[in-house]
């Protein structure tokens, strides 16, 4: 509870935490808006393929031209200004940099940047949860071997869920379930960038005016992003995954302890201690009362009759047995909260959640019939969606990770609804992400 005071001390000493941001999309831009007002943080540099767009966005969120007038990273270090570049490698190499925030959302780039951070002694906050799910356990291990911290991003839901899990376990409470809320109907699984705005109640023109990326938003809608985020949580916290992935049960905050308990107790969980995502809609489209669409939760169990009695005495909502209850956070602030991770990894040498093992995977499932020669377009696109699976099932079936299902050509026909396998596509064995993924698969015991 003293990160603010630690940052202030660094500011008073004239040695702020120096941050480099790679990728200034929505998440990165939100962080930049807050970093400007946080004592003890110095954004040394920003790397993005569109530097002028980044500059305009920063000026629009309160930065002034003088703060962005550094001519290179060396000058930014000397003056306390910020240099905007299109070269992520030069940013990682820049003298004085403490921590890198990787927010590109591109899994293969994320892996490349993570390894560069290890080479140059930089802590890493991995906003890029796609890269984390593709190879996070290996990347975290490599960072630790280099004396560095690899962390999930506070403000994003996986890190907030890990915080709740840590709170429960440290309090001696057994984990029954953990996850987040979203808006979900089964028909969303088939959505493409052409149909996504209808589900959000927007026109394509409105979305374009707001700078909204249809493929990114479609990843949230078709269940892929939920699968990726829950895989990150399972791998960080050692939680289980149901054999057929997420079921998105409709559930409000008052019913978490009843709905998210094992089936043998009358709930909808496949097993005790698993990840799940609850929907803010019933399957017929009716809204769930007191939904958790924007929030996160943990469901836990009293270890004794005494603890269960305390639940009752202090007004906790429980299941019918009185032994299972839940805690939740109704909202998350995305990049506005990211400074928590930045400060924690540098000042405490502690991640806000980090991949510890290989429990879960997200694999590619065909949205439509795929023919030989078709090129996959990744998460949120027209060709495939992501499905959460236990890592052991993913490996035994040879399923293709969703993080490698972009820009690869189909070598076989795959019918709609079927999983795509490694053998179904043309794989470049020399691709860095492919090599790292295969190394992780061979090196890590399945949880």
Protein backbone atom coordinates (compact mmCIF):
# COMPACT_ATOMS: atom_id res chain seq x y z
CA UNK A 1 0.00 0.00 0.00
CA UNK A 2 2.98 2.31 -0.28
CA UNK A 3 3.73 2.45 -4.00
CA UNK A 4 2.76 6.11 -4.10
CA UNK A 5 5.24 6.96 -1.35
CA UNK A 6 7.97 4.94 -3.05
CA UNK A 7 7.36 6.78 -6.33
CA UNK A 8 7.34 10.14 -4.56
CA UNK A 9 10.68 9.31 -2.93
CA UNK A 10 12.13 8.52 -6.36
CA UNK A 11 10.78 11.81 -7.66
CA UNK A 12 12.29 13.74 -4.74
CA UNK A 13 15.63 12.05 -5.37
CA UNK A 14 15.54 13.01 -9.04
CA UNK A 15 15.63 9.43 -10.27
CA UNK A 16 12.15 8.57 -11.54
CA UNK A 17 11.13 5.16 -12.84
CA UNK A 18 11.87 5.39 -16.54
CA UNK A 19 9.33 3.71 -18.77
CA UNK A 20 9.25 2.76 -22.44
CA UNK A 21 5.90 2.06 -24.11
CA UNK A 22 5.62 -0.06 -27.25
CA UNK A 23 2.24 0.35 -28.92
CA UNK A 24 0.11 3.39 -28.21
CA UNK A 25 -3.35 2.09 -29.01
CA UNK A 26 -6.24 2.50 -26.61
CA UNK A 27 -4.55 0.75 -23.67
CA UNK A 28 -1.23 2.51 -24.18
CA UNK A 29 -2.88 5.89 -24.69
CA UNK A 30 -4.80 5.56 -21.45
CA UNK A 31 -1.55 4.81 -19.61
CA UNK A 32 0.14 7.83 -21.17
CA UNK A 33 -2.70 10.08 -20.04
CA UNK A 34 -2.10 9.06 -16.42
CA UNK A 35 1.69 8.73 -16.48
CA UNK A 36 1.89 12.44 -17.17
CA UNK A 37 0.32 13.14 -13.75
CA UNK A 38 2.10 10.44 -11.71
CA UNK A 39 5.01 11.68 -9.63
CA UNK A 40 8.07 9.46 -9.98
CA UNK A 41 7.31 8.18 -13.50
CA UNK A 42 9.18 9.37 -16.57
CA UNK A 43 8.00 8.11 -19.94
CA UNK A 44 11.38 8.04 -21.61
CA UNK A 45 10.03 6.97 -24.96
CA UNK A 46 7.12 5.65 -26.97
CA UNK A 47 7.53 3.35 -29.97
CA UNK A 48 4.66 3.03 -32.43
CA UNK A 49 4.36 2.57 -36.18
CA UNK A 50 2.47 5.88 -36.39
CA UNK A 51 4.52 8.41 -34.37
CA UNK A 52 2.53 11.42 -35.54
CA UNK A 53 -0.73 9.83 -34.43
CA UNK A 54 0.82 9.14 -31.03
CA UNK A 55 2.00 12.74 -30.71
CA UNK A 56 -1.44 14.08 -31.57
CA UNK A 57 -3.07 11.71 -29.09
CA UNK A 58 -0.71 12.71 -26.29
CA UNK A 59 -1.27 16.41 -26.94
CA UNK A 60 -5.00 15.74 -26.87
CA UNK A 61 -4.76 14.06 -23.44
CA UNK A 62 -2.93 16.89 -21.69
CA UNK A 63 0.70 16.65 -22.72
CA UNK A 64 2.34 19.81 -24.04
CA UNK A 65 4.68 20.21 -26.98
CA UNK A 66 7.68 20.98 -24.77
CA UNK A 67 7.40 17.56 -23.11
CA UNK A 68 7.59 15.83 -26.51
CA UNK A 69 10.38 17.84 -28.10
CA UNK A 70 13.28 15.47 -27.37
CA UNK A 71 15.23 14.68 -30.55
CA UNK A 72 16.34 11.21 -29.45
CA UNK A 73 16.29 8.86 -26.47
CA UNK A 74 19.57 10.21 -25.07
CA UNK A 75 18.20 13.73 -25.01
CA UNK A 76 14.97 12.49 -23.41
CA UNK A 77 17.03 10.92 -20.61
CA UNK A 78 18.95 14.14 -20.01
CA UNK A 79 15.97 16.50 -20.04
CA UNK A 80 13.11 14.42 -18.66
CA UNK A 81 11.25 14.76 -21.95
CA UNK A 82 9.70 11.97 -24.04
CA UNK A 83 10.90 10.80 -27.44
CA UNK A 84 8.41 9.27 -29.87
CA UNK A 85 9.82 6.83 -32.40
CA UNK A 86 8.78 4.03 -34.73
CA UNK A 87 11.71 1.85 -33.62
CA UNK A 88 10.88 -0.47 -30.70
CA UNK A 89 14.34 -2.04 -30.70
CA UNK A 90 16.07 1.31 -30.17
CA UNK A 91 13.65 2.09 -27.35
CA UNK A 92 14.44 -1.17 -25.54
CA UNK A 93 18.15 -0.47 -25.97
CA UNK A 94 17.90 3.12 -24.71
CA UNK A 95 20.17 4.06 -21.81
CA UNK A 96 18.45 4.58 -18.47
CA UNK A 97 15.31 2.60 -19.27
CA UNK A 98 13.93 0.58 -16.32
CA UNK A 99 10.81 -1.09 -17.65
CA UNK A 100 9.08 -1.74 -20.97
CA UNK A 101 5.31 -1.86 -21.43
CA UNK A 102 4.48 -4.12 -24.40
CA UNK A 103 1.04 -3.11 -25.67
CA UNK A 104 1.11 -4.01 -29.36
CA UNK A 105 -1.47 -6.81 -29.08
CA UNK A 106 0.55 -8.78 -31.66
CA UNK A 107 1.64 -12.13 -30.16
CA UNK A 108 4.70 -12.66 -32.32
CA UNK A 109 5.97 -9.12 -31.81
CA UNK A 110 5.36 -9.49 -28.08
CA UNK A 111 7.60 -12.55 -27.90
CA UNK A 112 10.34 -10.77 -29.85
CA UNK A 113 10.20 -7.72 -27.60
CA UNK A 114 10.19 -9.85 -24.45
CA UNK A 115 13.42 -11.54 -25.49
CA UNK A 116 15.02 -8.20 -26.34
CA UNK A 117 14.12 -6.99 -22.85
CA UNK A 118 15.99 -9.95 -21.36
CA UNK A 119 19.03 -9.18 -23.49
CA UNK A 120 19.11 -5.53 -22.42
CA UNK A 121 18.11 -5.86 -18.76
CA UNK A 122 14.62 -4.40 -18.87
CA UNK A 123 11.68 -5.43 -16.71
CA UNK A 124 8.56 -6.13 -18.80
CA UNK A 125 4.87 -5.43 -18.28
CA UNK A 126 3.10 -7.61 -20.83
CA UNK A 127 -0.17 -5.92 -21.77
CA UNK A 128 -0.01 -8.18 -24.81
CA UNK A 129 -1.90 -11.09 -23.25
CA UNK A 130 -1.93 -12.81 -26.65
CA UNK A 131 1.84 -13.22 -26.43
CA UNK A 132 1.56 -14.30 -22.79
CA UNK A 133 -0.82 -17.13 -23.64
CA UNK A 134 1.32 -18.24 -26.58
CA UNK A 135 4.58 -18.48 -24.61
CA UNK A 136 4.28 -16.65 -21.27
CA UNK A 137 5.61 -19.42 -18.99
CA UNK A 138 8.85 -19.58 -20.98
CA UNK A 139 9.17 -15.79 -21.23
CA UNK A 140 8.64 -15.41 -17.48
CA UNK A 141 11.27 -18.06 -16.76
CA UNK A 142 13.78 -16.36 -19.06
CA UNK A 143 13.17 -13.01 -17.38
CA UNK A 144 13.67 -14.53 -13.93
CA UNK A 145 16.93 -16.14 -15.04
CA UNK A 146 18.10 -12.68 -16.14
CA UNK A 147 17.18 -11.17 -12.77
CA UNK A 148 14.18 -9.37 -14.25
CA UNK A 149 10.44 -9.24 -13.64
CA UNK A 150 7.85 -10.35 -16.22
CA UNK A 151 4.36 -9.18 -15.30
CA UNK A 152 0.77 -9.11 -16.42
CA UNK A 153 -0.72 -5.63 -16.69
CA UNK A 154 -2.72 -4.16 -13.84
CA UNK A 155 -5.92 -2.59 -15.13
CA UNK A 156 -6.40 -5.46 -17.54
CA UNK A 157 -8.70 -8.12 -16.13
CA UNK A 158 -6.23 -11.03 -15.78
CA UNK A 159 -4.00 -9.12 -13.35
CA UNK A 160 -7.00 -7.94 -11.35
CA UNK A 161 -8.31 -11.51 -11.11
CA UNK A 162 -4.87 -12.68 -9.97
CA UNK A 163 -4.96 -10.01 -7.27
CA UNK A 164 -8.29 -11.34 -5.96
CA UNK A 165 -6.97 -14.92 -6.05
CA UNK A 166 -3.89 -13.88 -4.11
CA UNK A 167 -6.07 -12.06 -1.57
CA UNK A 168 -8.21 -15.16 -1.04
CA UNK A 169 -5.33 -17.62 -0.79
CA UNK A 170 -3.33 -15.37 1.52
CA UNK A 171 -6.43 -15.16 3.72
CA UNK A 172 -6.54 -18.97 3.91
CA UNK A 173 -9.58 -19.34 1.67
CA UNK A 174 -9.86 -22.11 -0.91
CA UNK A 175 -10.48 -21.05 -4.52
CA UNK A 176 -13.64 -22.44 -6.08
CA UNK A 177 -13.67 -20.28 -9.22
CA UNK A 178 -12.22 -17.06 -10.61
CA UNK A 179 -12.87 -15.01 -13.70
CA UNK A 180 -14.62 -12.03 -15.18
CA UNK A 181 -17.88 -10.88 -16.69
CA UNK A 182 -18.74 -10.08 -20.29
CA UNK A 183 -21.68 -9.72 -22.66
CA UNK A 184 -22.18 -13.04 -24.42
CA UNK A 185 -24.67 -14.93 -26.56
CA UNK A 186 -23.91 -18.12 -28.49
CA UNK A 187 -24.49 -16.39 -31.83
CA UNK A 188 -21.55 -14.07 -31.12
CA UNK A 189 -19.14 -16.94 -31.85
CA UNK A 190 -19.82 -16.55 -35.57
CA UNK A 191 -19.39 -12.77 -35.70
CA UNK A 192 -16.88 -11.22 -38.11
CA UNK A 193 -15.55 -7.68 -38.55
CA UNK A 194 -18.45 -7.15 -40.98
CA UNK A 195 -21.13 -7.91 -38.37
CA UNK A 196 -19.50 -6.73 -35.16
CA UNK A 197 -20.95 -3.20 -35.06
CA UNK A 198 -24.52 -4.45 -35.32
CA UNK A 199 -24.01 -6.33 -32.05
CA UNK A 200 -22.57 -3.22 -30.41
CA UNK A 201 -25.43 -1.05 -31.70
CA UNK A 202 -23.09 1.14 -33.77
CA UNK A 203 -22.81 1.99 -37.42
CA UNK A 204 -19.52 1.44 -39.23
CA UNK A 205 -19.27 5.21 -39.64
CA UNK A 206 -19.68 5.81 -35.90
CA UNK A 207 -17.05 3.21 -35.11
CA UNK A 208 -14.61 4.69 -37.61
CA UNK A 209 -15.12 8.16 -36.19
CA UNK A 210 -14.26 6.79 -32.75
CA UNK A 211 -11.11 5.11 -34.07
CA UNK A 212 -12.46 1.65 -33.17
CA UNK A 213 -10.79 -1.38 -34.75
CA UNK A 214 -13.48 -3.87 -35.90
CA UNK A 215 -11.24 -6.94 -35.65
CA UNK A 216 -10.11 -6.07 -32.13
CA UNK A 217 -13.66 -5.44 -30.95
CA UNK A 218 -14.81 -8.62 -32.65
CA UNK A 219 -12.26 -10.60 -30.64
CA UNK A 220 -14.03 -9.45 -27.48
CA UNK A 221 -17.40 -10.37 -28.95
CA UNK A 222 -16.73 -13.82 -30.40
CA UNK A 223 -15.25 -15.17 -27.16
CA UNK A 224 -11.62 -15.24 -28.25
CA UNK A 225 -10.42 -12.49 -25.92
CA UNK A 226 -12.25 -14.06 -22.98
CA UNK A 227 -10.54 -17.38 -23.73
CA UNK A 228 -7.13 -15.72 -23.93
CA UNK A 229 -7.60 -13.81 -20.69
CA UNK A 230 -8.77 -16.87 -18.78
CA UNK A 231 -5.84 -18.90 -20.09
CA UNK A 232 -3.51 -16.21 -18.74
CA UNK A 233 -5.19 -16.44 -15.33
CA UNK A 234 -5.07 -20.24 -15.28
CA UNK A 235 -1.37 -20.24 -16.17
CA UNK A 236 -0.53 -17.58 -13.58
CA UNK A 237 -2.61 -19.00 -10.72
CA UNK A 238 -2.52 -22.73 -11.47
CA UNK A 239 -6.29 -22.98 -11.92
CA UNK A 240 -8.14 -25.60 -13.93
CA UNK A 241 -9.90 -25.27 -17.28
CA UNK A 242 -13.06 -27.14 -18.21
CA UNK A 243 -12.47 -29.69 -21.03
CA UNK A 244 -14.66 -27.82 -23.52
CA UNK A 245 -13.61 -24.34 -22.47
CA UNK A 246 -15.76 -21.48 -21.29
CA UNK A 247 -19.53 -21.87 -20.94
CA UNK A 248 -20.43 -18.23 -20.14
CA UNK A 249 -23.22 -18.97 -17.64
CA UNK A 250 -25.60 -16.02 -17.11
CA UNK A 251 -24.95 -14.75 -13.59
CA UNK A 252 -25.16 -11.56 -11.55
CA UNK A 253 -22.98 -10.65 -8.61
CA UNK A 254 -25.49 -11.87 -6.01
CA UNK A 255 -25.50 -15.38 -7.51
CA UNK A 256 -21.78 -15.99 -8.03
CA UNK A 257 -21.50 -18.35 -5.06
CA UNK A 258 -24.51 -20.38 -6.21
CA UNK A 259 -23.87 -20.59 -9.95
CA UNK A 260 -20.09 -20.95 -9.79
CA UNK A 261 -19.79 -24.03 -7.61
CA UNK A 262 -19.25 -27.63 -8.77
CA UNK A 263 -22.10 -29.46 -10.44
CA UNK A 264 -22.31 -32.02 -7.65
CA UNK A 265 -23.22 -29.12 -5.35
CA UNK A 266 -25.87 -27.78 -7.73
CA UNK A 267 -23.70 -25.29 -9.60
CA UNK A 268 -22.37 -25.10 -13.16
CA UNK A 269 -18.63 -25.68 -12.71
CA UNK A 270 -16.97 -28.71 -14.24
CA UNK A 271 -14.54 -28.85 -11.35
CA UNK A 272 -13.58 -26.97 -8.19
CA UNK A 273 -10.85 -24.40 -8.72
CA UNK A 274 -11.41 -23.41 -12.35
CA UNK A 275 -11.62 -20.25 -14.44
CA UNK A 276 -14.92 -19.15 -15.96
CA UNK A 277 -16.58 -16.10 -17.54
CA UNK A 278 -20.13 -15.07 -16.66
CA UNK A 279 -22.49 -13.41 -19.11
CA UNK A 280 -24.52 -10.26 -18.53
CA UNK A 281 -27.26 -11.70 -20.78
CA UNK A 282 -29.49 -14.74 -20.54
CA UNK A 283 -29.43 -16.87 -23.68
CA UNK A 284 -32.73 -15.36 -24.81
CA UNK A 285 -31.17 -11.89 -24.68
CA UNK A 286 -32.73 -10.71 -21.41
CA UNK A 287 -30.36 -8.72 -19.19
CA UNK A 288 -29.05 -10.31 -16.00
CA UNK A 289 -29.83 -8.35 -12.84
CA UNK A 290 -26.77 -6.77 -11.22
CA UNK A 291 -24.49 -8.08 -13.94
CA UNK A 292 -20.69 -8.08 -13.81
CA UNK A 293 -20.07 -7.20 -17.45
CA UNK A 294 -17.08 -4.95 -16.72
CA UNK A 295 -15.74 -6.62 -13.60
CA UNK A 296 -13.83 -9.54 -12.12
CA UNK A 297 -14.53 -12.03 -9.33
CA UNK A 298 -13.24 -14.81 -7.13
CA UNK A 299 -15.43 -17.49 -5.53
CA UNK A 300 -13.99 -19.05 -2.39
CA UNK A 301 -14.81 -21.59 0.30
CA UNK A 302 -14.63 -21.37 4.08
CA UNK A 303 -12.08 -23.84 5.49
CA UNK A 304 -14.02 -24.30 8.73
CA UNK A 305 -17.43 -23.93 10.33
CA UNK A 306 -16.06 -20.96 12.23
CA UNK A 307 -15.07 -19.16 9.02
CA UNK A 308 -18.47 -19.94 7.49
CA UNK A 309 -20.16 -18.44 10.55
CA UNK A 310 -18.05 -15.31 10.07
CA UNK A 311 -19.32 -15.07 6.47
CA UNK A 312 -22.84 -14.87 7.88
CA UNK A 313 -21.98 -12.49 10.69
CA UNK A 314 -20.41 -9.99 8.29
CA UNK A 315 -23.16 -10.05 5.68
CA UNK A 316 -21.51 -12.12 2.97
CA UNK A 317 -23.80 -13.62 0.35
CA UNK A 318 -23.27 -17.39 0.22
CA UNK A 319 -24.60 -20.50 -1.44
CA UNK A 320 -27.23 -22.57 0.36
CA UNK A 321 -24.57 -24.37 2.44
CA UNK A 322 -23.25 -21.09 3.84
CA UNK A 323 -19.68 -22.15 3.06
CA UNK A 324 -19.11 -20.68 -0.42
CA UNK A 325 -19.02 -16.94 -1.03
CA UNK A 326 -17.57 -14.46 -3.50
CA UNK A 327 -15.74 -11.18 -3.77
CA UNK A 328 -15.78 -9.04 -6.86
CA UNK A 329 -14.61 -5.78 -8.37
CA UNK A 330 -17.33 -4.27 -10.57
CA UNK A 331 -15.13 -2.31 -12.99
CA UNK A 332 -11.62 -2.15 -14.39
CA UNK A 333 -9.91 0.99 -15.65
CA UNK A 334 -7.62 -0.62 -18.23
CA UNK A 335 -4.61 1.60 -19.02
CA UNK A 336 -5.53 4.21 -16.43
CA UNK A 337 -4.44 1.70 -13.74
CA UNK A 338 -1.34 0.39 -15.48
CA UNK A 339 1.01 2.48 -13.35
CA UNK A 340 0.44 -0.02 -10.53
CA UNK A 341 2.30 -2.68 -12.51
CA UNK A 342 5.02 -0.30 -13.65
CA UNK A 343 5.73 0.80 -10.08
CA UNK A 344 5.46 -2.70 -8.63
CA UNK A 345 7.93 -4.39 -10.96
CA UNK A 346 10.59 -1.69 -10.57
CA UNK A 347 10.19 -0.67 -6.92
CA UNK A 348 9.14 -3.99 -5.38
CA UNK A 349 10.65 -6.37 -7.93
CA UNK A 350 7.21 -7.99 -7.92
CA UNK A 351 4.80 -8.76 -10.78
CA UNK A 352 1.07 -8.14 -10.71
CA UNK A 353 0.49 -11.69 -11.87
CA UNK A 354 2.91 -13.75 -13.94
CA UNK A 355 2.76 -16.98 -15.94
CA UNK A 356 3.99 -19.78 -13.67
CA UNK A 357 3.04 -22.92 -15.56
CA UNK A 358 1.28 -24.35 -18.60
CA UNK A 359 -2.26 -25.18 -17.50
CA UNK A 360 -4.31 -23.66 -20.32
CA UNK A 361 -4.12 -22.93 -24.02
CA UNK A 362 -6.26 -21.15 -26.60
CA UNK A 363 -6.58 -22.89 -29.95
CA UNK A 364 -7.97 -21.91 -33.33
CA UNK A 365 -11.46 -23.09 -34.34
CA UNK A 366 -12.79 -22.53 -37.87
CA UNK A 367 -15.64 -20.02 -38.13
CA UNK A 368 -16.37 -21.14 -41.68
CA UNK A 369 -15.25 -23.89 -44.01
CA UNK A 370 -11.55 -23.32 -44.68
CA UNK A 371 -10.05 -24.42 -48.02
CA UNK A 372 -6.50 -25.20 -49.06
CA UNK A 373 -4.73 -21.93 -49.78
CA UNK A 374 -6.87 -19.79 -47.48
CA UNK A 375 -4.80 -17.49 -45.27
CA UNK A 376 -5.84 -17.21 -41.62
CA UNK A 377 -6.36 -13.71 -40.27
CA UNK A 378 -5.96 -14.27 -36.51
CA UNK A 379 -8.19 -13.50 -33.55
CA UNK A 380 -11.32 -11.50 -34.17
CA UNK A 381 -11.16 -12.06 -37.91
CA UNK A 382 -13.21 -13.87 -40.52
CA UNK A 383 -11.60 -17.30 -40.42
CA UNK A 384 -11.12 -18.52 -36.85
CA UNK A 385 -12.01 -17.89 -33.22
CA UNK A 386 -10.19 -18.94 -30.08
CA UNK A 387 -11.32 -21.75 -27.79
CA UNK A 388 -9.96 -22.26 -24.26
CA UNK A 389 -8.63 -25.78 -23.58
CA UNK A 390 -6.60 -27.60 -20.95
CA UNK A 391 -3.00 -27.47 -22.17
CA UNK A 392 -2.72 -31.26 -22.16
CA UNK A 393 -5.72 -31.61 -24.46
CA UNK A 394 -4.34 -28.96 -26.78
CA UNK A 395 -1.00 -30.73 -27.11
CA UNK A 396 -2.44 -34.24 -27.46
CA UNK A 397 -4.77 -33.08 -30.24
CA UNK A 398 -2.06 -31.10 -32.03
CA UNK A 399 -4.30 -28.03 -32.07
CA UNK A 400 -2.90 -24.79 -33.47
CA UNK A 401 -2.52 -21.97 -30.90
CA UNK A 402 -4.61 -18.92 -31.80
CA UNK A 403 -1.47 -16.78 -31.52
CA UNK A 404 0.02 -18.55 -34.55
CA UNK A 405 -3.20 -18.47 -36.63
CA UNK A 406 -2.40 -15.24 -38.44
CA UNK A 407 -0.79 -14.96 -41.86
CA UNK A 408 -0.47 -18.72 -42.26
CA UNK A 409 -1.82 -20.66 -45.23
CA UNK A 410 -4.15 -23.63 -45.00
CA UNK A 411 -2.66 -26.90 -46.25
CA UNK A 412 -5.83 -28.96 -45.66
CA UNK A 413 -9.58 -28.48 -45.66
CA UNK A 414 -11.09 -27.79 -42.22
CA UNK A 415 -14.84 -27.62 -41.74
CA UNK A 416 -16.61 -24.88 -39.76
CA UNK A 417 -16.60 -25.66 -36.07
CA UNK A 418 -13.54 -27.93 -36.24
CA UNK A 419 -10.25 -27.16 -34.55
CA UNK A 420 -7.33 -26.23 -36.78
CA UNK A 421 -4.21 -28.31 -36.13
CA UNK A 422 -0.53 -27.70 -36.76
CA UNK A 423 -0.75 -30.20 -39.62
CA UNK A 424 -3.56 -28.24 -41.28
CA UNK A 425 -1.41 -25.18 -41.99
CA UNK A 426 1.91 -24.32 -43.59
CA UNK A 427 4.26 -23.53 -40.69
CA UNK A 428 7.55 -21.65 -40.99
CA UNK A 429 9.77 -23.60 -38.60
CA UNK A 430 12.27 -20.72 -38.52
CA UNK A 431 9.71 -18.20 -37.29
CA UNK A 432 10.82 -16.93 -33.86
CA UNK A 433 7.38 -17.30 -32.28
CA UNK A 434 7.05 -20.86 -33.60
CA UNK A 435 10.46 -21.79 -32.19
CA UNK A 436 9.69 -20.23 -28.79
CA UNK A 437 6.30 -21.92 -28.60
CA UNK A 438 7.73 -25.33 -29.43
CA UNK A 439 10.47 -24.82 -26.86
CA UNK A 440 7.87 -24.00 -24.23
CA UNK A 441 5.81 -27.07 -25.10
CA UNK A 442 8.81 -29.33 -24.66
CA UNK A 443 10.19 -27.67 -21.52
CA UNK A 444 7.14 -27.22 -19.30
CA UNK A 445 5.30 -29.89 -17.37
CA UNK A 446 1.55 -29.60 -17.75
CA UNK A 447 -0.31 -28.41 -14.67
